[in-house]
C-alpha atoms as a PDB file:
ATOM      1  CA  MET A   1      96.387  88.806 105.683  1.00  0.00           C
ATOM      2  CA  THR A   2      93.154  90.644 105.516  1.00  0.00           C
ATOM      3  CA  ILE A   3      92.705  94.297 106.077  1.00  0.00           C
ATOM      4  CA  VAL A   4      89.087  95.960 106.202  1.00  0.00           C
ATOM      5  CA  LEU A   5      88.964  99.260 103.934  1.00  0.00           C
ATOM      6  CA  ASP A   6      86.079 101.294 105.199  1.00  0.00           C
ATOM      7  CA  ALA A   7      84.510 101.768 101.778  1.00  0.00           C
ATOM      8  CA  MET A   8      82.425 104.792 102.686  1.00  0.00           C
ATOM      9  CA  GLY A   9      85.247 107.388 103.674  1.00  0.00           C
ATOM     10  CA  SER A  10      86.810 109.934 100.974  1.00  0.00           C
ATOM     11  CA  ASP A  11      85.439 112.715  99.839  1.00  0.00           C
ATOM     12  CA  ASP A  12      84.347 110.611  96.332  1.00  0.00           C
ATOM     13  CA  CYS A  13      83.539 107.625  97.967  1.00  0.00           C
ATOM     14  CA  PRO A  14      83.014 104.940  96.997  1.00  0.00           C
ATOM     15  CA  LEU A  15      84.852 105.052  93.709  1.00  0.00           C
ATOM     16  CA  PRO A  16      88.682 105.551  95.106  1.00  0.00           C
ATOM     17  CA  GLU A  17      88.079 102.855  97.929  1.00  0.00           C
ATOM     18  CA  ILE A  18      87.135 100.299  95.053  1.00  0.00           C
ATOM     19  CA  MET A  19      89.376 101.149  92.262  1.00  0.00           C
ATOM     20  CA  GLY A  20      92.389 101.089  95.194  1.00  0.00           C
ATOM     21  CA  ALA A  21      91.019  97.870  96.189  1.00  0.00           C
ATOM     22  CA  ILE A  22      90.846  96.152  93.031  1.00  0.00           C
ATOM     23  CA  GLN A  23      94.295  97.096  92.449  1.00  0.00           C
ATOM     24  CA  ALA A  24      95.726  96.285  95.936  1.00  0.00           C
ATOM     25  CA  ALA A  25      93.806  92.635  95.451  1.00  0.00           C
ATOM     26  CA  LYS A  26      95.520  91.892  92.507  1.00  0.00           C
ATOM     27  CA  ASP A  27      99.217  93.056  93.149  1.00  0.00           C
ATOM     28  CA  PHE A  28      99.279  91.530  97.151  1.00  0.00           C
ATOM     29  CA  ASN A  29      96.846  88.495  96.632  1.00  0.00           C
ATOM     30  CA  GLU A  30      95.439  89.457 100.272  1.00  0.00           C
ATOM     31  CA  LYS A  31      91.697  89.172 101.150  1.00  0.00           C
ATOM     32  CA  ILE A  32      90.461  93.028 101.234  1.00  0.00           C
ATOM     33  CA  ILE A  33      87.266  93.467 103.219  1.00  0.00           C
ATOM     34  CA  LEU A  34      85.250  96.430 102.012  1.00  0.00           C
ATOM     35  CA  VAL A  35      82.547  98.032 104.210  1.00  0.00           C
ATOM     36  CA  GLY A  36      79.541 100.123 103.588  1.00  0.00           C
ATOM     37  CA  ASN A  37      76.829 100.067 101.837  1.00  0.00           C
ATOM     38  CA  GLN A  38      76.429  96.304  99.788  1.00  0.00           C
ATOM     39  CA  GLU A  39      74.345  96.941  96.744  1.00  0.00           C
ATOM     40  CA  GLN A  40      75.992 100.048  95.968  1.00  0.00           C
ATOM     41  CA  LEU A  41      79.491  98.444  96.103  1.00  0.00           C
ATOM     42  CA  SER A  42      78.767  95.291  94.442  1.00  0.00           C
ATOM     43  CA  LYS A  43      77.715  97.108  91.376  1.00  0.00           C
ATOM     44  CA  LEU A  44      80.855  98.888  91.110  1.00  0.00           C
ATOM     45  CA  LEU A  45      82.791  95.931  91.969  1.00  0.00           C
ATOM     46  CA  SER A  46      80.961  94.457  88.848  1.00  0.00           C
ATOM     47  CA  GLU A  47      81.277  97.702  86.746  1.00  0.00           C
ATOM     48  CA  TYR A  48      85.080  97.374  87.292  1.00  0.00           C
ATOM     49  CA  ASN A  49      85.602  93.996  87.444  1.00  0.00           C
ATOM     50  CA  GLY A  50      86.659  92.975  90.257  1.00  0.00           C
ATOM     51  CA  GLN A  51      84.162  90.612  91.408  1.00  0.00           C
ATOM     52  CA  ASP A  52      86.767  87.520  90.685  1.00  0.00           C
ATOM     53  CA  LEU A  53      89.472  89.208  92.869  1.00  0.00           C
ATOM     54  CA  PRO A  54      89.425  88.395  96.745  1.00  0.00           C
ATOM     55  CA  ILE A  55      87.711  90.839  97.709  1.00  0.00           C
ATOM     56  CA  GLU A  56      84.297  90.599 100.164  1.00  0.00           C
ATOM     57  CA  ILE A  57      81.974  93.510 100.823  1.00  0.00           C
ATOM     58  CA  VAL A  58      80.408  93.704 104.383  1.00  0.00           C
ATOM     59  CA  HIS A  59      77.253  95.448 104.919  1.00  0.00           C
ATOM     60  CA  ALA A  60      77.171  98.847 106.998  1.00  0.00           C
ATOM     61  CA  SER A  61      73.680 100.917 106.831  1.00  0.00           C
ATOM     62  CA  GLN A  62      75.230 104.122 107.963  1.00  0.00           C
ATOM     63  CA  ALA A  63      78.255 106.409 106.740  1.00  0.00           C
ATOM     64  CA  ILE A  64      80.056 108.800 109.214  1.00  0.00           C
ATOM     65  CA  THR A  65      80.804 112.370 107.378  1.00  0.00           C
ATOM     66  CA  MET A  66      83.317 114.787 106.946  1.00  0.00           C
ATOM     67  CA  ASP A  67      80.456 117.570 108.538  1.00  0.00           C
ATOM     68  CA  ASP A  68      79.633 115.094 111.413  1.00  0.00           C
ATOM     69  CA  LYS A  69      80.968 116.010 114.783  1.00  0.00           C
ATOM     70  CA  ALA A  70      83.301 112.907 115.919  1.00  0.00           C
ATOM     71  CA  VAL A  71      81.914 111.885 119.551  1.00  0.00           C
ATOM     72  CA  ASP A  72      78.165 112.561 117.723  1.00  0.00           C
ATOM     73  CA  GLY A  73      78.529 110.877 114.545  1.00  0.00           C
ATOM     74  CA  VAL A  74      80.241 107.896 116.490  1.00  0.00           C
ATOM     75  CA  LYS A  75      76.839 107.841 119.159  1.00  0.00           C
ATOM     76  CA  ASN A  76      74.207 108.327 116.490  1.00  0.00           C
ATOM     77  CA  LYS A  77      75.567 106.372 113.714  1.00  0.00           C
ATOM     78  CA  PRO A  78      76.217 102.678 115.664  1.00  0.00           C
ATOM     79  CA  ASP A  79      76.395 100.872 112.230  1.00  0.00           C
ATOM     80  CA  SER A  80      78.480 103.026 110.658  1.00  0.00           C
ATOM     81  CA  SER A  81      81.317 101.531 107.985  1.00  0.00           C
ATOM     82  CA  MET A  82      84.069 102.653 110.522  1.00  0.00           C
ATOM     83  CA  ALA A  83      81.876 100.602 113.552  1.00  0.00           C
ATOM     84  CA  VAL A  84      81.297  97.561 111.732  1.00  0.00           C
ATOM     85  CA  GLY A  85      85.025  97.456 110.141  1.00  0.00           C
ATOM     86  CA  LEU A  86      86.771  97.953 113.200  1.00  0.00           C
ATOM     87  CA  GLU A  87      84.404  95.142 114.617  1.00  0.00           C
ATOM     88  CA  LEU A  88      85.882  92.969 112.130  1.00  0.00           C
ATOM     89  CA  VAL A  89      89.525  94.050 113.460  1.00  0.00           C
ATOM     90  CA  LYS A  90      88.019  93.774 117.253  1.00  0.00           C
ATOM     91  CA  ASN A  91      86.706  89.777 116.550  1.00  0.00           C
ATOM     92  CA  GLN A  92      90.010  89.196 114.768  1.00  0.00           C
ATOM     93  CA  GLN A  93      88.246  88.903 111.440  1.00  0.00           C
ATOM     94  CA  ALA A  94      90.774  90.877 109.892  1.00  0.00           C
ATOM     95  CA  ASN A  95      94.426  92.062 110.797  1.00  0.00           C
ATOM     96  CA  ALA A  96      94.134  95.867 109.597  1.00  0.00           C
ATOM     97  CA  PHE A  97      92.193  98.817 109.542  1.00  0.00           C
ATOM     98  CA  VAL A  98      92.533 101.514 106.385  1.00  0.00           C
ATOM     99  CA  THR A  99      90.205 104.724 106.374  1.00  0.00           C
ATOM    100  CA  ALA A 100      90.211 107.818 104.458  1.00  0.00           C
ATOM    101  CA  GLY A 101      87.213 108.987 106.447  1.00  0.00           C
ATOM    102  CA  ASN A 102      86.743 111.501 109.461  1.00  0.00           C
ATOM    103  CA  THR A 103      90.035 111.454 111.469  1.00  0.00           C
ATOM    104  CA  GLY A 104      88.365 112.228 115.148  1.00  0.00           C
ATOM    105  CA  ALA A 105      85.750 109.844 114.604  1.00  0.00           C
ATOM    106  CA  ALA A 106      87.995 107.325 113.311  1.00  0.00           C
ATOM    107  CA  MET A 107      90.220 107.493 116.007  1.00  0.00           C
ATOM    108  CA  PHE A 108      87.405 107.676 118.482  1.00  0.00           C
ATOM    109  CA  THR A 109      85.499 104.525 116.820  1.00  0.00           C
ATOM    110  CA  ALA A 110      89.236 102.693 117.533  1.00  0.00           C
ATOM    111  CA  LEU A 111      89.279 103.950 120.837  1.00  0.00           C
ATOM    112  CA  ARG A 112      85.752 102.633 121.454  1.00  0.00           C
ATOM    113  CA  LYS A 113      86.251  99.274 119.460  1.00  0.00           C
ATOM    114  CA  LEU A 114      89.971  98.272 120.314  1.00  0.00           C
ATOM    115  CA  GLY A 115      91.156 100.186 123.079  1.00  0.00           C
ATOM    116  CA  ARG A 116      93.995 101.757 124.006  1.00  0.00           C
ATOM    117  CA  MET A 117      97.299  99.593 124.263  1.00  0.00           C
ATOM    118  CA  GLN A 118      98.228  98.627 127.395  1.00  0.00           C
ATOM    119  CA  ASN A 119      99.963 101.700 129.487  1.00  0.00           C
ATOM    120  CA  VAL A 120      99.231 103.967 126.300  1.00  0.00           C
ATOM    121  CA  LEU A 121      97.795 107.559 127.588  1.00  0.00           C
ATOM    122  CA  ARG A 122      96.707 108.745 124.165  1.00  0.00           C
ATOM    123  CA  PRO A 123      97.060 107.281 120.730  1.00  0.00           C
ATOM    124  CA  GLY A 124      99.224 109.424 118.196  1.00  0.00           C
ATOM    125  CA  LEU A 125      98.524 109.826 114.253  1.00  0.00           C
ATOM    126  CA  THR A 126     101.722 109.320 112.319  1.00  0.00           C
ATOM    127  CA  THR A 127     103.250 109.705 108.946  1.00  0.00           C
ATOM    128  CA  VAL A 128     106.433 109.302 107.065  1.00  0.00           C
ATOM    129  CA  PHE A 129     107.600 112.354 105.939  1.00  0.00           C
ATOM    130  CA  PRO A 130     110.112 112.741 103.080  1.00  0.00           C
ATOM    131  CA  HIS A 131     113.243 114.862 103.704  1.00  0.00           C
ATOM    132  CA  ILE A 132     116.629 115.502 101.572  1.00  0.00           C
ATOM    133  CA  SER A 133     118.138 112.042 102.244  1.00  0.00           C
ATOM    134  CA  GLY A 134     115.394 110.107 103.012  1.00  0.00           C
ATOM    135  CA  LYS A 135     112.204 109.726 105.615  1.00  0.00           C
ATOM    136  CA  CYS A 136     111.451 110.652 109.198  1.00  0.00           C
ATOM    137  CA  ILE A 137     108.615 109.894 111.473  1.00  0.00           C
ATOM    138  CA  VAL A 138     106.434 112.771 112.755  1.00  0.00           C
ATOM    139  CA  LEU A 139     103.837 112.559 115.127  1.00  0.00           C
ATOM    140  CA  ASP A 140     101.292 113.767 116.255  1.00  0.00           C
ATOM    141  CA  ILE A 141      99.324 115.052 112.999  1.00  0.00           C
ATOM    142  CA  GLY A 142      96.254 115.913 114.363  1.00  0.00           C
ATOM    143  CA  ALA A 143      94.653 113.555 116.571  1.00  0.00           C
ATOM    144  CA  ASN A 144      95.859 115.384 119.730  1.00  0.00           C
ATOM    145  CA  VAL A 145      95.144 118.876 119.331  1.00  0.00           C
ATOM    146  CA  GLU A 146      96.074 119.530 123.102  1.00  0.00           C
ATOM    147  CA  CYS A 147      98.574 117.479 124.891  1.00  0.00           C
ATOM    148  CA  ARG A 148     100.339 117.076 128.422  1.00  0.00           C
ATOM    149  CA  PRO A 149     104.353 116.197 128.323  1.00  0.00           C
ATOM    150  CA  GLU A 150     103.568 112.385 129.099  1.00  0.00           C
ATOM    151  CA  PHE A 151     101.526 112.488 125.426  1.00  0.00           C
ATOM    152  CA  LEU A 152     104.932 113.713 123.575  1.00  0.00           C
ATOM    153  CA  LEU A 153     107.108 111.178 125.616  1.00  0.00           C
ATOM    154  CA  GLN A 154     104.871 108.372 124.468  1.00  0.00           C
ATOM    155  CA  PHE A 155     104.751 110.017 121.054  1.00  0.00           C
ATOM    156  CA  GLY A 156     108.780 109.608 121.049  1.00  0.00           C
ATOM    157  CA  LEU A 157     108.582 106.695 122.040  1.00  0.00           C
ATOM    158  CA  LEU A 158     106.047 104.744 119.586  1.00  0.00           C
ATOM    159  CA  GLY A 159     107.220 106.813 116.442  1.00  0.00           C
ATOM    160  CA  SER A 160     110.878 105.345 117.042  1.00  0.00           C
ATOM    161  CA  GLU A 161     109.577 102.098 117.269  1.00  0.00           C
ATOM    162  CA  TYR A 162     107.599 102.532 113.884  1.00  0.00           C
ATOM    163  CA  ALA A 163     110.959 104.277 112.647  1.00  0.00           C
ATOM    164  CA  LYS A 164     112.864 101.247 113.311  1.00  0.00           C
ATOM    165  CA  THR A 165     109.972  98.802 111.773  1.00  0.00           C
ATOM    166  CA  ALA A 166     109.018 100.734 108.804  1.00  0.00           C
ATOM    167  CA  LEU A 167     112.264 102.971 108.044  1.00  0.00           C
ATOM    168  CA  ASN A 168     114.902 100.171 108.940  1.00  0.00           C
ATOM    169  CA  ILE A 169     116.858 102.315 111.595  1.00  0.00           C
ATOM    170  CA  ASP A 170     118.375 100.689 114.380  1.00  0.00           C
ATOM    171  CA  SER A 171     118.668 103.840 116.742  1.00  0.00           C
ATOM    172  CA  PRO A 172     116.332 106.731 115.419  1.00  0.00           C
ATOM    173  CA  ARG A 173     117.419 110.343 115.847  1.00  0.00           C
ATOM    174  CA  VAL A 174     113.997 111.550 118.263  1.00  0.00           C
ATOM    175  CA  GLY A 175     113.602 115.289 118.362  1.00  0.00           C
ATOM    176  CA  ILE A 176     110.864 117.736 119.571  1.00  0.00           C
ATOM    177  CA  LEU A 177     109.287 120.438 117.225  1.00  0.00           C
ATOM    178  CA  SER A 178     110.458 124.010 118.486  1.00  0.00           C
ATOM    179  CA  ASN A 179     111.241 127.230 117.599  1.00  0.00           C
ATOM    180  CA  GLY A 180     114.933 127.162 118.297  1.00  0.00           C
ATOM    181  CA  GLU A 181     117.446 124.351 118.992  1.00  0.00           C
ATOM    182  CA  GLU A 182     118.447 125.691 122.451  1.00  0.00           C
ATOM    183  CA  ASP A 183     116.296 123.743 125.176  1.00  0.00           C
ATOM    184  CA  SER A 184     115.566 127.212 126.747  1.00  0.00           C
ATOM    185  CA  LYS A 185     113.149 127.533 123.362  1.00  0.00           C
ATOM    186  CA  GLY A 186     109.646 126.897 123.467  1.00  0.00           C
ATOM    187  CA  THR A 187     106.288 126.411 124.943  1.00  0.00           C
ATOM    188  CA  PRO A 188     106.093 125.557 128.095  1.00  0.00           C
ATOM    189  CA  LEU A 189     104.611 121.911 126.428  1.00  0.00           C
ATOM    190  CA  VAL A 190     108.023 121.456 124.781  1.00  0.00           C
ATOM    191  CA  LYS A 191     109.820 122.817 127.805  1.00  0.00           C
ATOM    192  CA  GLU A 192     108.423 120.329 129.694  1.00  0.00           C
ATOM    193  CA  SER A 193     108.530 117.714 127.566  1.00  0.00           C
ATOM    194  CA  PHE A 194     112.167 117.843 126.653  1.00  0.00           C
ATOM    195  CA  LYS A 195     112.659 117.326 130.163  1.00  0.00           C
ATOM    196  CA  LEU A 196     111.167 114.285 130.134  1.00  0.00           C
ATOM    197  CA  LEU A 197     112.700 112.880 126.708  1.00  0.00           C
ATOM    198  CA  GLN A 198     116.067 113.600 128.052  1.00  0.00           C
ATOM    199  CA  ASN A 199     115.938 111.213 130.788  1.00  0.00           C
ATOM    200  CA  SER A 200     114.052 108.509 128.731  1.00  0.00           C
ATOM    201  CA  GLN A 201     115.883 105.391 127.410  1.00  0.00           C
ATOM    202  CA  LEU A 202     115.359 107.079 123.663  1.00  0.00           C
ATOM    203  CA  ASN A 203     118.422 108.259 121.388  1.00  0.00           C
ATOM    204  CA  PHE A 204     117.032 112.118 122.287  1.00  0.00           C
ATOM    205  CA  ILE A 205     118.966 114.795 120.113  1.00  0.00           C
ATOM    206  CA  GLY A 206     116.804 118.003 121.691  1.00  0.00           C
ATOM    207  CA  ASN A 207     114.749 120.447 119.844  1.00  0.00           C
ATOM    208  CA  VAL A 208     114.522 120.710 116.308  1.00  0.00           C
ATOM    209  CA  GLU A 209     112.862 123.283 114.228  1.00  0.00           C
ATOM    210  CA  SER A 210     111.212 122.750 111.118  1.00  0.00           C
ATOM    211  CA  LYS A 211     114.295 123.006 108.789  1.00  0.00           C
ATOM    212  CA  GLU A 212     115.816 120.455 110.558  1.00  0.00           C
ATOM    213  CA  ILE A 213     113.304 118.054 109.292  1.00  0.00           C
ATOM    214  CA  PHE A 214     114.161 118.704 105.340  1.00  0.00           C
ATOM    215  CA  GLU A 215     117.434 118.746 106.067  1.00  0.00           C
ATOM    216  CA  GLY A 216     117.373 115.124 107.344  1.00  0.00           C
ATOM    217  CA  LYS A 217     118.793 115.534 110.891  1.00  0.00           C
ATOM    218  CA  VAL A 218     116.060 113.553 112.363  1.00  0.00           C
ATOM    219  CA  ASP A 219     114.358 110.470 112.823  1.00  0.00           C
ATOM    220  CA  VAL A 220     111.372 110.984 114.763  1.00  0.00           C
ATOM    221  CA  VAL A 221     109.929 114.442 115.007  1.00  0.00           C
ATOM    222  CA  VAL A 222     107.195 114.683 118.417  1.00  0.00           C
ATOM    223  CA  THR A 223     104.739 117.280 118.296  1.00  0.00           C
ATOM    224  CA  ASP A 224     101.265 118.259 119.685  1.00  0.00           C
ATOM    225  CA  GLY A 225      98.213 117.465 117.159  1.00  0.00           C
ATOM    226  CA  PHE A 226      97.744 120.844 116.082  1.00  0.00           C
ATOM    227  CA  THR A 227     101.402 121.647 115.354  1.00  0.00           C
ATOM    228  CA  GLY A 228     102.229 118.741 113.476  1.00  0.00           C
ATOM    229  CA  ASN A 229      98.773 119.066 111.314  1.00  0.00           C
ATOM    230  CA  VAL A 230      99.898 122.632 110.377  1.00  0.00           C
ATOM    231  CA  LEU A 231     103.471 121.464 109.485  1.00  0.00           C
ATOM    232  CA  ILE A 232     102.401 118.497 106.900  1.00  0.00           C
ATOM    233  CA  LYS A 233      99.477 120.249 105.328  1.00  0.00           C
ATOM    234  CA  THR A 234     101.820 123.500 105.041  1.00  0.00           C
ATOM    235  CA  SER A 235     104.458 121.247 103.617  1.00  0.00           C
ATOM    236  CA  GLU A 236     101.915 119.365 101.214  1.00  0.00           C
ATOM    237  CA  ALA A 237     100.790 122.578 100.038  1.00  0.00           C
ATOM    238  CA  VAL A 238     104.103 123.907  99.131  1.00  0.00           C
ATOM    239  CA  ALA A 239     104.899 120.595  97.449  1.00  0.00           C
ATOM    240  CA  GLY A 240     101.927 121.258  95.531  1.00  0.00           C
ATOM    241  CA  MET A 241     102.803 124.530  94.538  1.00  0.00           C
ATOM    242  CA  ILE A 242     106.416 123.576  93.566  1.00  0.00           C
ATOM    243  CA  ILE A 243     104.784 121.160  91.250  1.00  0.00           C
ATOM    244  CA  LYS A 244     102.627 122.836  89.687  1.00  0.00           C
ATOM    245  CA  VAL A 245     104.970 126.171  88.946  1.00  0.00           C
ATOM    246  CA  LEU A 246     107.598 123.789  87.746  1.00  0.00           C
ATOM    247  CA  LYS A 247     105.182 122.050  85.201  1.00  0.00           C
ATOM    248  CA  GLU A 248     103.801 125.813  84.470  1.00  0.00           C
ATOM    249  CA  GLU A 249     107.873 126.786  83.732  1.00  0.00           C
ATOM    250  CA  PHE A 250     108.621 123.802  81.923  1.00  0.00           C
ATOM    251  CA  MET A 251     105.462 124.320  79.539  1.00  0.00           C
ATOM    252  CA  ALA A 252     105.998 128.296  78.381  1.00  0.00           C
ATOM    253  CA  SER A 253     108.407 128.210  75.640  1.00  0.00           C
ATOM    254  CA  MET A 254     109.368 125.344  73.254  1.00  0.00           C
ATOM    255  CA  ARG A 255     113.035 125.506  74.678  1.00  0.00           C
ATOM    256  CA  THR A 256     111.665 124.743  78.105  1.00  0.00           C
ATOM    257  CA  LYS A 257     109.579 121.810  77.115  1.00  0.00           C
ATOM    258  CA  ILE A 258     112.766 120.090  75.370  1.00  0.00           C
ATOM    259  CA  GLY A 259     114.343 121.189  78.913  1.00  0.00           C
ATOM    260  CA  ALA A 260     111.341 119.528  80.687  1.00  0.00           C
ATOM    261  CA  LEU A 261     111.792 116.226  78.251  1.00  0.00           C
ATOM    262  CA  LEU A 262     115.447 116.109  79.750  1.00  0.00           C
ATOM    263  CA  ALA A 263     114.210 116.579  82.808  1.00  0.00           C
ATOM    264  CA  LYS A 264     111.544 114.295  83.096  1.00  0.00           C
ATOM    265  CA  PRO A 265     113.095 111.390  85.208  1.00  0.00           C
ATOM    266  CA  ALA A 266     114.347 113.782  88.044  1.00  0.00           C
ATOM    267  CA  PHE A 267     111.127 115.404  88.051  1.00  0.00           C
ATOM    268  CA  SER A 268     109.188 112.303  88.605  1.00  0.00           C
ATOM    269  CA  ALA A 269     111.329 111.505  91.274  1.00  0.00           C
ATOM    270  CA  LEU A 270     110.865 114.738  92.897  1.00  0.00           C
ATOM    271  CA  LYS A 271     107.043 114.479  92.281  1.00  0.00           C
ATOM    272  CA  ALA A 272     106.777 110.683  93.671  1.00  0.00           C
ATOM    273  CA  MET A 273     108.851 111.992  96.835  1.00  0.00           C
ATOM    274  CA  MET A 274     106.412 114.801  97.561  1.00  0.00           C
ATOM    275  CA  ASP A 275     103.642 112.975  96.798  1.00  0.00           C
ATOM    276  CA  PRO A 276     101.386 112.371 100.016  1.00  0.00           C
ATOM    277  CA  ALA A 277      99.182 109.563  97.878  1.00  0.00           C
ATOM    278  CA  GLU A 278     102.822 107.211  98.362  1.00  0.00           C
ATOM    279  CA  ILE A 279     102.096 106.751 101.771  1.00  0.00           C
ATOM    280  CA  GLY A 280      98.275 106.547 101.617  1.00  0.00           C
ATOM    281  CA  ALA A 281      97.255 106.466 104.939  1.00  0.00           C
ATOM    282  CA  ALA A 282      98.776 107.368 108.583  1.00  0.00           C
ATOM    283  CA  PRO A 283      99.003 104.741 111.349  1.00  0.00           C
ATOM    284  CA  LEU A 284      97.244 105.207 114.727  1.00  0.00           C
ATOM    285  CA  LEU A 285     100.033 104.193 116.773  1.00  0.00           C
ATOM    286  CA  GLY A 286      98.598 103.141 120.269  1.00  0.00           C
ATOM    287  CA  VAL A 287      95.731 101.878 119.449  1.00  0.00           C
ATOM    288  CA  ASP A 288      95.331  98.049 120.115  1.00  0.00           C
ATOM    289  CA  GLY A 289      95.408  97.190 116.377  1.00  0.00           C
ATOM    290  CA  LEU A 290      96.494  98.135 113.210  1.00  0.00           C
ATOM    291  CA  VAL A 291      94.657 101.154 112.179  1.00  0.00           C
ATOM    292  CA  PHE A 292      95.293 103.302 109.291  1.00  0.00           C
ATOM    293  CA  ILE A 293      93.948 106.924 108.730  1.00  0.00           C
ATOM    294  CA  GLY A 294      94.048 108.776 105.277  1.00  0.00           C
ATOM    295  CA  HIS A 295      93.099 111.774 103.779  1.00  0.00           C
ATOM    296  CA  GLY A 296      89.818 112.642 102.983  1.00  0.00           C
ATOM    297  CA  ARG A 297      90.515 113.797  99.275  1.00  0.00           C
ATOM    298  CA  SER A 298      92.351 110.385  98.727  1.00  0.00           C
ATOM    299  CA  ASP A 299      92.214 109.048  95.367  1.00  0.00           C
ATOM    300  CA  ALA A 300      92.475 105.632  94.036  1.00  0.00           C
ATOM    301  CA  LYS A 301      96.269 105.886  94.324  1.00  0.00           C
ATOM    302  CA  ALA A 302      96.148 107.089  97.779  1.00  0.00           C
ATOM    303  CA  ILE A 303      93.770 104.047  98.934  1.00  0.00           C
ATOM    304  CA  TYR A 304      95.828 101.884  97.201  1.00  0.00           C
ATOM    305  CA  GLY A 305      99.203 102.847  99.029  1.00  0.00           C
ATOM    306  CA  ALA A 306      97.085 103.005 102.355  1.00  0.00           C
ATOM    307  CA  LEU A 307      96.566  99.262 101.639  1.00  0.00           C
ATOM    308  CA  ARG A 308     100.018  98.585 100.851  1.00  0.00           C
ATOM    309  CA  ASN A 309     101.108 100.117 103.963  1.00  0.00           C
ATOM    310  CA  ALA A 310      98.647  98.185 105.696  1.00  0.00           C
ATOM    311  CA  HIS A 311      99.888  95.194 103.768  1.00  0.00           C
ATOM    312  CA  GLN A 312     103.498  95.765 104.541  1.00  0.00           C
ATOM    313  CA  LEU A 313     103.066  96.708 108.472  1.00  0.00           C
ATOM    314  CA  GLY A 314     100.729  93.857 109.162  1.00  0.00           C
ATOM    315  CA  LYS A 315     103.450  91.376 108.400  1.00  0.00           C
ATOM    316  CA  THR A 316     105.437  92.540 111.127  1.00  0.00           C
ATOM    317  CA  ASN A 317     105.545  92.855 115.057  1.00  0.00           C
ATOM    318  CA  LEU A 318     104.687  96.289 114.954  1.00  0.00           C
ATOM    319  CA  LEU A 319     102.094  96.552 117.805  1.00  0.00           C
ATOM    320  CA  GLU A 320     104.299  93.670 120.195  1.00  0.00           C
ATOM    321  CA  ASN A 321     107.258  96.186 119.800  1.00  0.00           C
ATOM    322  CA  LEU A 322     105.310  99.073 120.797  1.00  0.00           C
ATOM    323  CA  GLU A 323     103.806  97.887 123.936  1.00  0.00           C
ATOM    324  CA  HIS A 324     107.574  96.314 124.550  1.00  0.00           C
ATOM    325  CA  SER A 325     108.621  99.640 124.291  1.00  0.00           C
ATOM    326  CA  ILE A 326     106.188 101.287 126.402  1.00  0.00           C
ATOM    327  CA  ALA A 327     106.409  98.791 129.238  1.00  0.00           C
ATOM    328  CA  ALA A 328     110.502  99.089 129.175  1.00  0.00           C
ATOM    329  CA  GLN A 329     110.213 102.934 129.546  1.00  0.00           C
ATOM    330  CA  ILE A 330     107.692 102.688 132.361  1.00  0.00           C
ATOM    331  CA  GLU A 331     110.324 100.358 134.634  1.00  0.00           C
ATOM    332  CA  VAL A 332     113.182 103.185 134.028  1.00  0.00           C
ATOM    333  CA  GLN A 333     110.834 105.635 135.365  1.00  0.00           C
ATOM    334  CA  LYS A 334     110.113 103.089 138.278  1.00  0.00           C
ATOM    335  CA  GLU A 335     113.974 103.094 139.268  1.00  0.00           C
END
């Protein structure tokens, strides 16, 4: 198992990438390839005592920033850390690619280097979303702002296979995010997508409201990238606010500090459940390779989580199962 890490992706790169890679290399004992400015990376790797670990550095003379427009950045920077890293996956020198860089640029580069899986219309950016009784899959969360009903059908297929692999759910319940449970609710996109999903091979349970995601009533939620991105970022902000308010209240007096000490295990469990760094990066399902995209603000913990996610999924048959699911749905539609 070899994982490529874009070392020039995060807002604070390359330090979070270096520290996350060092920890991952120690824990997994798998080869990690850092792609970026070789001189800078070599210096940091030596400073943090990572030179004797299974970590290799591959030089890239350019880096795509968050300020770069996706298409322009990719075209104007052909030797970017993203391009060089994904070329390694394309040439089968690595099994997976991880970046905390520009999402649009990562998707565009992945499509140029790896291409789509056979019969896939548009890849979907996916995340594992915590709820009251476990986790569910949400996609798309930002790769496709504008979608067609056929895209959402395929997101359901891709998400269902991912839930089987990542969450060990035999028959994932698939729902489409809407403003009401009734099939008459939703935008034209939701209504048309509902019909396609209803006639698919999926375990489709209909429309779901956002509250039902938190209640654990659905395993896979499909939506367009704009709505999904708002859902995820709003949820993360609310979770962060809750943690911050609880911390402030617990530190308000000696009495509450004692209560905080007693409640520390429960508080730690809540914080871990709500922490996006635990997942680290979301897989871009539908491209012909394992590609994971994380937050630009990723710290070392998030980079480590992303590498762990790539390490775990890289040992499964996820890509083959995704292709089989799409092909099977096409056969159903022909009938």
